[in-house]
Amino acid sequence: MEALKTKPAEHELGDETFMSAAELGAYTAQLKAAKVMKDMQAQDRAGKARTELIKALSEPVEVTPEKVHDITKSLLHKLRIAAEQGKNELLVMRFPNVMCSDAGRAINNSEAEWPQTLTGRPRQAFEFWQDRLRPAGYGLKAMIVDWPDGMPGDVGFFLTWEGRRQ
């Protein structure tokens, strides 16, 4: 029986074999504190990534013939895959609602003038659709795609096309 007696100081974190209730409570508190710290660090990294994304999306892309070719080639590949899966829409861009001058209000309310609220690359994407894809019969649907804390979040652009009717 002597082997079962150990001093509390000999316990290492994670060895709850012979922990007292107080030690187990302290251990639980340490685990919770570690999780909170990890969550805070993850939120900090996510916030920094979002800030960098907004900065990048604010700067327009130089539209060269090569860039148009690359975008078109990639888009056609994704559209073929979506069509093969029986879909008639494809999410082609997702961006923070701060890329709209009204934080996405016009998009959320399906107002006709929502395109005028776009800034940066989302505006360029809309113009690309308007100039090159709409004449080919593609539609564009814009909508709020997430609702953090019940408030409008990111905006999604969906290319749409008519499915074949049988």
N, C-alpha and C. Protein backbone atom coordinates (compact mmCIF):
# COMPACT_ATOMS: atom_id res chain seq x y z
N MET A 1 0.82 -1.20 0.00
CA MET A 1 0.00 0.00 0.00
C MET A 1 0.86 1.26 0.00
N GLU A 2 2.06 1.16 0.45
CA GLU A 2 2.95 2.29 0.50
C GLU A 2 3.20 2.86 -0.90
N ALA A 3 3.16 2.01 -1.93
CA ALA A 3 3.42 2.45 -3.30
C ALA A 3 2.31 3.36 -3.82
N LEU A 4 1.11 3.27 -3.25
CA LEU A 4 0.01 4.10 -3.74
C LEU A 4 0.08 5.53 -3.22
N LYS A 5 0.83 5.76 -2.18
CA LYS A 5 0.93 7.11 -1.61
C LYS A 5 1.96 7.91 -2.39
N THR A 6 1.52 9.05 -2.93
CA THR A 6 2.43 9.95 -3.62
C THR A 6 2.17 11.36 -3.13
N LYS A 7 3.16 12.16 -3.24
CA LYS A 7 3.02 13.55 -2.82
C LYS A 7 2.44 14.35 -3.99
N PRO A 8 1.57 15.33 -3.69
CA PRO A 8 0.98 16.14 -4.75
C PRO A 8 2.03 16.81 -5.64
N ALA A 9 3.16 17.18 -5.08
CA ALA A 9 4.19 17.87 -5.87
C ALA A 9 4.78 16.95 -6.92
N GLU A 10 4.63 15.65 -6.76
CA GLU A 10 5.20 14.72 -7.72
C GLU A 10 4.32 14.57 -8.96
N HIS A 11 3.08 15.01 -8.90
CA HIS A 11 2.19 14.89 -10.05
C HIS A 11 2.59 15.87 -11.14
N GLU A 12 2.57 15.39 -12.36
CA GLU A 12 2.80 16.26 -13.50
C GLU A 12 1.47 16.55 -14.16
N LEU A 13 1.40 17.66 -14.86
CA LEU A 13 0.19 18.01 -15.57
C LEU A 13 -0.18 16.88 -16.52
N GLY A 14 -1.37 16.43 -16.46
CA GLY A 14 -1.82 15.33 -17.30
C GLY A 14 -1.83 14.00 -16.59
N ASP A 15 -1.23 13.93 -15.42
CA ASP A 15 -1.23 12.68 -14.65
C ASP A 15 -2.28 12.81 -13.55
N GLU A 16 -3.52 12.48 -13.86
CA GLU A 16 -4.60 12.64 -12.91
C GLU A 16 -4.93 11.33 -12.21
N THR A 17 -4.04 10.35 -12.27
CA THR A 17 -4.28 9.04 -11.69
C THR A 17 -4.68 9.10 -10.23
N PHE A 18 -3.94 9.86 -9.43
CA PHE A 18 -4.22 9.93 -7.99
C PHE A 18 -4.37 11.38 -7.55
N MET A 19 -5.03 12.20 -8.37
CA MET A 19 -5.22 13.60 -8.03
C MET A 19 -6.34 13.75 -7.02
N SER A 20 -6.14 14.69 -6.13
CA SER A 20 -7.23 15.03 -5.20
C SER A 20 -8.24 15.88 -5.97
N ALA A 21 -9.38 16.13 -5.37
CA ALA A 21 -10.40 16.96 -6.00
C ALA A 21 -9.87 18.37 -6.27
N ALA A 22 -9.11 18.91 -5.34
CA ALA A 22 -8.54 20.25 -5.50
C ALA A 22 -7.54 20.27 -6.65
N GLU A 23 -6.71 19.22 -6.72
CA GLU A 23 -5.72 19.14 -7.80
C GLU A 23 -6.41 19.00 -9.15
N LEU A 24 -7.47 18.20 -9.19
CA LEU A 24 -8.21 18.02 -10.43
C LEU A 24 -8.87 19.33 -10.85
N GLY A 25 -9.39 20.09 -9.88
CA GLY A 25 -9.97 21.40 -10.17
C GLY A 25 -8.93 22.36 -10.73
N ALA A 26 -7.73 22.36 -10.15
CA ALA A 26 -6.65 23.22 -10.64
C ALA A 26 -6.23 22.80 -12.04
N TYR A 27 -6.18 21.49 -12.26
CA TYR A 27 -5.82 20.96 -13.57
C TYR A 27 -6.85 21.39 -14.62
N THR A 28 -8.12 21.29 -14.28
CA THR A 28 -9.20 21.70 -15.19
C THR A 28 -9.09 23.19 -15.50
N ALA A 29 -8.79 23.99 -14.48
CA ALA A 29 -8.64 25.43 -14.68
C ALA A 29 -7.47 25.72 -15.62
N GLN A 30 -6.37 24.97 -15.48
CA GLN A 30 -5.23 25.16 -16.36
C GLN A 30 -5.59 24.80 -17.81
N LEU A 31 -6.33 23.72 -17.97
CA LEU A 31 -6.76 23.33 -19.32
C LEU A 31 -7.64 24.39 -19.95
N LYS A 32 -8.59 24.92 -19.16
CA LYS A 32 -9.48 25.96 -19.67
C LYS A 32 -8.68 27.21 -20.04
N ALA A 33 -7.73 27.59 -19.20
CA ALA A 33 -6.90 28.77 -19.46
C ALA A 33 -6.09 28.57 -20.75
N ALA A 34 -5.55 27.38 -20.92
CA ALA A 34 -4.79 27.08 -22.14
C ALA A 34 -5.68 27.17 -23.37
N LYS A 35 -6.91 26.68 -23.27
CA LYS A 35 -7.84 26.74 -24.40
C LYS A 35 -8.21 28.19 -24.72
N VAL A 36 -8.43 28.99 -23.69
CA VAL A 36 -8.76 30.41 -23.90
C VAL A 36 -7.60 31.10 -24.60
N MET A 37 -6.38 30.82 -24.15
CA MET A 37 -5.20 31.44 -24.77
C MET A 37 -5.09 31.01 -26.24
N LYS A 38 -5.31 29.74 -26.50
CA LYS A 38 -5.24 29.23 -27.87
C LYS A 38 -6.31 29.90 -28.73
N ASP A 39 -7.53 30.02 -28.19
CA ASP A 39 -8.62 30.66 -28.92
C ASP A 39 -8.30 32.13 -29.20
N MET A 40 -7.72 32.82 -28.21
CA MET A 40 -7.37 34.23 -28.39
C MET A 40 -6.30 34.38 -29.46
N GLN A 41 -5.31 33.48 -29.44
CA GLN A 41 -4.26 33.53 -30.45
C GLN A 41 -4.83 33.26 -31.84
N ALA A 42 -5.76 32.31 -31.93
CA ALA A 42 -6.39 32.00 -33.21
C ALA A 42 -7.20 33.19 -33.71
N GLN A 43 -7.92 33.85 -32.81
CA GLN A 43 -8.69 35.03 -33.20
C GLN A 43 -7.77 36.15 -33.65
N ASP A 44 -6.64 36.30 -32.97
CA ASP A 44 -5.67 37.33 -33.35
C ASP A 44 -5.11 37.04 -34.74
N ARG A 45 -4.77 35.78 -35.00
CA ARG A 45 -4.27 35.40 -36.33
C ARG A 45 -5.35 35.61 -37.39
N ALA A 46 -6.58 35.25 -37.08
CA ALA A 46 -7.68 35.43 -38.02
C ALA A 46 -7.91 36.91 -38.30
N GLY A 47 -7.84 37.74 -37.27
CA GLY A 47 -7.99 39.19 -37.45
C GLY A 47 -6.91 39.77 -38.33
N LYS A 48 -5.67 39.32 -38.12
CA LYS A 48 -4.56 39.79 -38.96
C LYS A 48 -4.74 39.34 -40.40
N ALA A 49 -5.15 38.08 -40.58
CA ALA A 49 -5.36 37.57 -41.93
C ALA A 49 -6.48 38.34 -42.63
N ARG A 50 -7.54 38.67 -41.89
CA ARG A 50 -8.65 39.43 -42.47
C ARG A 50 -8.19 40.83 -42.87
N THR A 51 -7.38 41.45 -42.03
CA THR A 51 -6.86 42.79 -42.33
C THR A 51 -6.00 42.75 -43.59
N GLU A 52 -5.16 41.73 -43.70
CA GLU A 52 -4.31 41.58 -44.89
C GLU A 52 -5.16 41.33 -46.13
N LEU A 53 -6.20 40.51 -46.00
CA LEU A 53 -7.09 40.23 -47.12
C LEU A 53 -7.78 41.51 -47.59
N ILE A 54 -8.29 42.29 -46.66
CA ILE A 54 -8.97 43.54 -47.02
C ILE A 54 -8.00 44.48 -47.73
N LYS A 55 -6.78 44.55 -47.24
CA LYS A 55 -5.77 45.40 -47.87
C LYS A 55 -5.50 44.92 -49.30
N ALA A 56 -5.33 43.62 -49.48
CA ALA A 56 -5.07 43.07 -50.82
C ALA A 56 -6.25 43.29 -51.75
N LEU A 57 -7.46 43.07 -51.25
CA LEU A 57 -8.66 43.23 -52.09
C LEU A 57 -8.94 44.70 -52.43
N SER A 58 -8.37 45.60 -51.66
CA SER A 58 -8.57 47.03 -51.92
C SER A 58 -7.75 47.52 -53.10
N GLU A 59 -6.68 46.80 -53.39
CA GLU A 59 -5.80 47.20 -54.49
C GLU A 59 -6.21 46.47 -55.76
N PRO A 60 -6.50 47.22 -56.82
CA PRO A 60 -6.96 46.58 -58.05
C PRO A 60 -5.87 45.71 -58.69
N VAL A 61 -6.32 44.73 -59.44
CA VAL A 61 -5.43 43.85 -60.19
C VAL A 61 -5.25 44.46 -61.57
N GLU A 62 -4.03 44.41 -62.09
CA GLU A 62 -3.80 44.89 -63.44
C GLU A 62 -4.42 43.88 -64.42
N VAL A 63 -5.33 44.36 -65.21
CA VAL A 63 -6.05 43.49 -66.14
C VAL A 63 -5.29 43.47 -67.47
N THR A 64 -4.52 42.42 -67.66
CA THR A 64 -3.77 42.22 -68.90
C THR A 64 -4.43 41.08 -69.68
N PRO A 65 -4.14 40.96 -70.95
CA PRO A 65 -4.69 39.82 -71.70
C PRO A 65 -4.30 38.47 -71.07
N GLU A 66 -3.10 38.39 -70.54
CA GLU A 66 -2.65 37.16 -69.89
C GLU A 66 -3.47 36.87 -68.64
N LYS A 67 -3.74 37.91 -67.87
CA LYS A 67 -4.53 37.76 -66.65
C LYS A 67 -5.96 37.32 -67.00
N VAL A 68 -6.53 37.93 -68.02
CA VAL A 68 -7.88 37.56 -68.46
C VAL A 68 -7.89 36.10 -68.91
N HIS A 69 -6.86 35.69 -69.65
CA HIS A 69 -6.76 34.30 -70.10
C HIS A 69 -6.69 33.35 -68.92
N ASP A 70 -5.84 33.66 -67.93
CA ASP A 70 -5.69 32.80 -66.75
C ASP A 70 -6.99 32.69 -65.96
N ILE A 71 -7.65 33.81 -65.75
CA ILE A 71 -8.91 33.81 -65.01
C ILE A 71 -9.97 32.99 -65.77
N THR A 72 -10.06 33.23 -67.06
CA THR A 72 -11.05 32.53 -67.88
C THR A 72 -10.80 31.02 -67.88
N LYS A 73 -9.56 30.62 -68.05
CA LYS A 73 -9.21 29.19 -68.07
C LYS A 73 -9.58 28.52 -66.75
N SER A 74 -9.20 29.14 -65.64
CA SER A 74 -9.51 28.59 -64.32
C SER A 74 -11.02 28.53 -64.09
N LEU A 75 -11.70 29.59 -64.46
CA LEU A 75 -13.14 29.67 -64.27
C LEU A 75 -13.88 28.61 -65.10
N LEU A 76 -13.48 28.44 -66.34
CA LEU A 76 -14.13 27.44 -67.19
C LEU A 76 -13.94 26.03 -66.62
N HIS A 77 -12.78 25.76 -66.09
CA HIS A 77 -12.53 24.45 -65.46
C HIS A 77 -13.48 24.23 -64.28
N LYS A 78 -13.61 25.23 -63.43
CA LYS A 78 -14.50 25.12 -62.26
C LYS A 78 -15.97 25.03 -62.69
N LEU A 79 -16.33 25.75 -63.72
CA LEU A 79 -17.70 25.70 -64.22
C LEU A 79 -18.04 24.32 -64.79
N ARG A 80 -17.10 23.72 -65.50
CA ARG A 80 -17.33 22.37 -66.04
C ARG A 80 -17.56 21.37 -64.91
N ILE A 81 -16.73 21.45 -63.90
CA ILE A 81 -16.87 20.53 -62.76
C ILE A 81 -18.24 20.72 -62.10
N ALA A 82 -18.63 21.98 -61.88
CA ALA A 82 -19.93 22.25 -61.26
C ALA A 82 -21.07 21.72 -62.13
N ALA A 83 -20.98 21.92 -63.43
CA ALA A 83 -22.02 21.44 -64.35
C ALA A 83 -22.09 19.91 -64.34
N GLU A 84 -20.93 19.26 -64.30
CA GLU A 84 -20.89 17.79 -64.24
C GLU A 84 -21.54 17.26 -62.97
N GLN A 85 -21.51 18.07 -61.92
CA GLN A 85 -22.13 17.69 -60.65
C GLN A 85 -23.61 18.07 -60.61
N GLY A 86 -24.12 18.59 -61.70
CA GLY A 86 -25.54 18.94 -61.77
C GLY A 86 -25.89 20.27 -61.15
N LYS A 87 -24.91 21.08 -60.85
CA LYS A 87 -25.17 22.39 -60.24
C LYS A 87 -25.48 23.42 -61.32
N ASN A 88 -26.13 24.51 -60.91
CA ASN A 88 -26.37 25.61 -61.83
C ASN A 88 -25.94 26.95 -61.24
N GLU A 89 -25.03 26.85 -60.27
CA GLU A 89 -24.39 28.06 -59.73
C GLU A 89 -23.06 27.67 -59.12
N LEU A 90 -22.16 28.66 -59.02
CA LEU A 90 -20.82 28.42 -58.50
C LEU A 90 -20.36 29.65 -57.73
N LEU A 91 -19.93 29.43 -56.48
CA LEU A 91 -19.35 30.53 -55.70
C LEU A 91 -18.00 30.86 -56.33
N VAL A 92 -17.86 32.08 -56.85
CA VAL A 92 -16.63 32.47 -57.53
C VAL A 92 -15.81 33.48 -56.75
N MET A 93 -16.41 34.11 -55.76
CA MET A 93 -15.67 35.07 -54.94
C MET A 93 -16.38 35.25 -53.61
N ARG A 94 -15.58 35.32 -52.56
CA ARG A 94 -16.09 35.61 -51.23
C ARG A 94 -15.19 36.69 -50.64
N PHE A 95 -15.81 37.71 -50.05
CA PHE A 95 -15.02 38.83 -49.54
C PHE A 95 -15.73 39.47 -48.35
N PRO A 96 -14.96 40.14 -47.49
CA PRO A 96 -15.56 40.82 -46.33
C PRO A 96 -16.51 41.93 -46.77
N ASN A 97 -17.58 42.09 -46.01
CA ASN A 97 -18.59 43.10 -46.38
C ASN A 97 -18.07 44.53 -46.33
N VAL A 98 -16.91 44.75 -45.71
CA VAL A 98 -16.34 46.11 -45.70
C VAL A 98 -15.84 46.52 -47.08
N MET A 99 -15.83 45.57 -48.03
CA MET A 99 -15.47 45.91 -49.41
C MET A 99 -16.65 46.55 -50.13
N CYS A 100 -17.75 46.71 -49.43
CA CYS A 100 -18.92 47.44 -49.94
C CYS A 100 -19.00 48.74 -49.14
N SER A 101 -19.28 49.82 -49.82
CA SER A 101 -19.31 51.13 -49.15
C SER A 101 -20.40 51.20 -48.08
N ASP A 102 -21.38 50.31 -48.14
CA ASP A 102 -22.47 50.29 -47.15
C ASP A 102 -22.43 49.03 -46.28
N ALA A 103 -21.29 48.36 -46.24
CA ALA A 103 -21.10 47.13 -45.46
C ALA A 103 -22.07 46.02 -45.86
N GLY A 104 -22.48 46.02 -47.12
CA GLY A 104 -23.33 44.95 -47.63
C GLY A 104 -24.82 45.16 -47.48
N ARG A 105 -25.26 46.33 -47.00
CA ARG A 105 -26.67 46.59 -46.78
C ARG A 105 -27.50 46.45 -48.05
N ALA A 106 -27.02 47.04 -49.16
CA ALA A 106 -27.78 46.98 -50.42
C ALA A 106 -27.86 45.54 -50.95
N ILE A 107 -26.79 44.79 -50.79
CA ILE A 107 -26.81 43.39 -51.22
C ILE A 107 -27.80 42.61 -50.36
N ASN A 108 -27.74 42.81 -49.06
CA ASN A 108 -28.64 42.10 -48.15
C ASN A 108 -30.10 42.41 -48.44
N ASN A 109 -30.37 43.61 -48.87
CA ASN A 109 -31.75 44.03 -49.16
C ASN A 109 -32.13 43.87 -50.63
N SER A 110 -31.26 43.23 -51.41
CA SER A 110 -31.50 42.99 -52.85
C SER A 110 -31.86 44.27 -53.60
N GLU A 111 -31.18 45.35 -53.27
CA GLU A 111 -31.43 46.62 -53.94
C GLU A 111 -30.74 46.63 -55.30
N ALA A 112 -31.40 47.20 -56.28
CA ALA A 112 -30.89 47.20 -57.66
C ALA A 112 -29.52 47.88 -57.78
N GLU A 113 -29.26 48.86 -56.95
CA GLU A 113 -28.00 49.61 -57.09
C GLU A 113 -26.84 49.01 -56.28
N TRP A 114 -26.97 47.77 -55.82
CA TRP A 114 -25.89 47.16 -55.02
C TRP A 114 -24.54 47.17 -55.71
N PRO A 115 -24.44 47.04 -57.04
CA PRO A 115 -23.11 47.05 -57.65
C PRO A 115 -22.34 48.36 -57.42
N GLN A 116 -23.07 49.47 -57.27
CA GLN A 116 -22.39 50.75 -57.05
C GLN A 116 -21.71 50.83 -55.69
N THR A 117 -22.03 49.91 -54.78
CA THR A 117 -21.42 49.94 -53.45
C THR A 117 -20.09 49.19 -53.41
N LEU A 118 -19.77 48.44 -54.47
CA LEU A 118 -18.55 47.62 -54.49
C LEU A 118 -17.31 48.47 -54.64
N THR A 119 -16.23 48.03 -53.99
CA THR A 119 -14.94 48.70 -54.10
C THR A 119 -13.87 47.66 -54.42
N GLY A 120 -12.70 48.11 -54.85
CA GLY A 120 -11.55 47.24 -55.05
C GLY A 120 -11.78 46.09 -56.01
N ARG A 121 -11.20 44.95 -55.67
CA ARG A 121 -11.30 43.77 -56.54
C ARG A 121 -12.72 43.24 -56.70
N PRO A 122 -13.57 43.31 -55.67
CA PRO A 122 -14.95 42.89 -55.92
C PRO A 122 -15.60 43.71 -57.04
N ARG A 123 -15.28 44.99 -57.09
CA ARG A 123 -15.81 45.83 -58.18
C ARG A 123 -15.27 45.35 -59.52
N GLN A 124 -13.96 45.01 -59.55
CA GLN A 124 -13.36 44.51 -60.78
C GLN A 124 -14.01 43.18 -61.19
N ALA A 125 -14.29 42.33 -60.21
CA ALA A 125 -14.94 41.04 -60.51
C ALA A 125 -16.32 41.28 -61.11
N PHE A 126 -17.07 42.22 -60.54
CA PHE A 126 -18.39 42.56 -61.09
C PHE A 126 -18.25 43.05 -62.53
N GLU A 127 -17.29 43.93 -62.77
CA GLU A 127 -17.09 44.48 -64.11
C GLU A 127 -16.66 43.38 -65.10
N PHE A 128 -15.86 42.42 -64.63
CA PHE A 128 -15.46 41.28 -65.46
C PHE A 128 -16.69 40.48 -65.87
N TRP A 129 -17.55 40.23 -64.90
CA TRP A 129 -18.81 39.52 -65.21
C TRP A 129 -19.63 40.33 -66.21
N GLN A 130 -19.79 41.62 -65.93
CA GLN A 130 -20.63 42.49 -66.75
C GLN A 130 -20.12 42.55 -68.20
N ASP A 131 -18.80 42.65 -68.35
CA ASP A 131 -18.22 42.81 -69.69
C ASP A 131 -18.05 41.50 -70.45
N ARG A 132 -17.72 40.41 -69.73
CA ARG A 132 -17.33 39.19 -70.41
C ARG A 132 -18.27 37.99 -70.18
N LEU A 133 -18.85 37.90 -69.02
CA LEU A 133 -19.63 36.70 -68.70
C LEU A 133 -21.13 36.89 -68.91
N ARG A 134 -21.64 38.05 -68.61
CA ARG A 134 -23.07 38.30 -68.84
C ARG A 134 -23.43 38.17 -70.32
N PRO A 135 -22.60 38.71 -71.24
CA PRO A 135 -22.93 38.51 -72.66
C PRO A 135 -22.94 37.04 -73.07
N ALA A 136 -22.23 36.19 -72.32
CA ALA A 136 -22.20 34.75 -72.63
C ALA A 136 -23.36 34.01 -71.95
N GLY A 137 -24.25 34.75 -71.27
CA GLY A 137 -25.43 34.13 -70.68
C GLY A 137 -25.34 33.78 -69.20
N TYR A 138 -24.25 34.16 -68.54
CA TYR A 138 -24.11 33.88 -67.11
C TYR A 138 -24.76 34.98 -66.29
N GLY A 139 -25.40 34.58 -65.21
CA GLY A 139 -25.95 35.53 -64.26
C GLY A 139 -24.97 35.70 -63.10
N LEU A 140 -25.19 36.72 -62.31
CA LEU A 140 -24.38 36.94 -61.11
C LEU A 140 -25.33 37.21 -59.95
N LYS A 141 -25.17 36.43 -58.91
CA LYS A 141 -25.99 36.61 -57.71
C LYS A 141 -25.03 36.99 -56.58
N ALA A 142 -25.35 38.05 -55.87
CA ALA A 142 -24.56 38.48 -54.72
C ALA A 142 -25.41 38.33 -53.48
N MET A 143 -24.83 37.76 -52.43
CA MET A 143 -25.59 37.61 -51.19
C MET A 143 -24.64 37.53 -50.00
N ILE A 144 -25.17 37.85 -48.83
CA ILE A 144 -24.42 37.70 -47.60
C ILE A 144 -24.36 36.20 -47.31
N VAL A 145 -23.14 35.68 -47.09
CA VAL A 145 -22.99 34.24 -46.92
C VAL A 145 -22.68 33.79 -45.50
N ASP A 146 -22.42 34.73 -44.60
CA ASP A 146 -22.31 34.35 -43.19
C ASP A 146 -22.77 35.50 -42.31
N TRP A 147 -23.13 35.14 -41.09
CA TRP A 147 -23.75 36.09 -40.17
C TRP A 147 -23.09 35.98 -38.79
N PRO A 148 -21.88 36.50 -38.63
CA PRO A 148 -21.24 36.43 -37.31
C PRO A 148 -21.99 37.30 -36.29
N ASP A 149 -22.30 36.70 -35.18
CA ASP A 149 -23.04 37.39 -34.10
C ASP A 149 -24.34 38.02 -34.60
N GLY A 150 -24.94 37.39 -35.62
CA GLY A 150 -26.22 37.87 -36.14
C GLY A 150 -26.13 39.08 -37.05
N MET A 151 -24.92 39.49 -37.38
CA MET A 151 -24.74 40.66 -38.23
C MET A 151 -24.22 40.21 -39.60
N PRO A 152 -24.53 40.98 -40.67
CA PRO A 152 -24.02 40.60 -41.99
C PRO A 152 -22.50 40.49 -41.99
N GLY A 153 -22.01 39.43 -42.60
CA GLY A 153 -20.57 39.19 -42.68
C GLY A 153 -20.10 39.21 -44.13
N ASP A 154 -19.47 38.13 -44.54
CA ASP A 154 -18.90 38.06 -45.89
C ASP A 154 -19.98 38.04 -46.97
N VAL A 155 -19.57 38.54 -48.13
CA VAL A 155 -20.42 38.56 -49.32
C VAL A 155 -19.91 37.47 -50.26
N GLY A 156 -20.82 36.79 -50.91
CA GLY A 156 -20.45 35.80 -51.91
C GLY A 156 -20.99 36.20 -53.27
N PHE A 157 -20.16 36.02 -54.30
CA PHE A 157 -20.59 36.18 -55.68
C PHE A 157 -20.77 34.78 -56.25
N PHE A 158 -21.93 34.53 -56.81
CA PHE A 158 -22.24 33.24 -57.42
C PHE A 158 -22.53 33.46 -58.90
N LEU A 159 -21.78 32.75 -59.75
CA LEU A 159 -22.13 32.72 -61.16
C LEU A 159 -23.27 31.74 -61.31
N THR A 160 -24.26 32.10 -62.10
CA THR A 160 -25.42 31.23 -62.29
C THR A 160 -25.62 30.98 -63.78
N TRP A 161 -26.25 29.87 -64.09
CA TRP A 161 -26.60 29.54 -65.46
C TRP A 161 -27.82 28.65 -65.43
N GLU A 162 -28.54 28.65 -66.50
CA GLU A 162 -29.75 27.84 -66.58
C GLU A 162 -29.39 26.38 -66.73
N GLY A 163 -30.06 25.55 -65.97
CA GLY A 163 -29.90 24.11 -66.15
C GLY A 163 -30.71 23.66 -67.35
N ARG A 164 -30.32 22.56 -67.92
CA ARG A 164 -31.04 22.04 -69.08
C ARG A 164 -32.38 21.52 -68.64
N ARG A 165 -33.43 21.94 -69.29
CA ARG A 165 -34.77 21.46 -68.93
C ARG A 165 -35.13 20.29 -69.81
N GLN A 166 -35.66 19.25 -69.19
CA GLN A 166 -35.98 18.03 -69.94
C GLN A 166 -37.43 17.96 -70.29
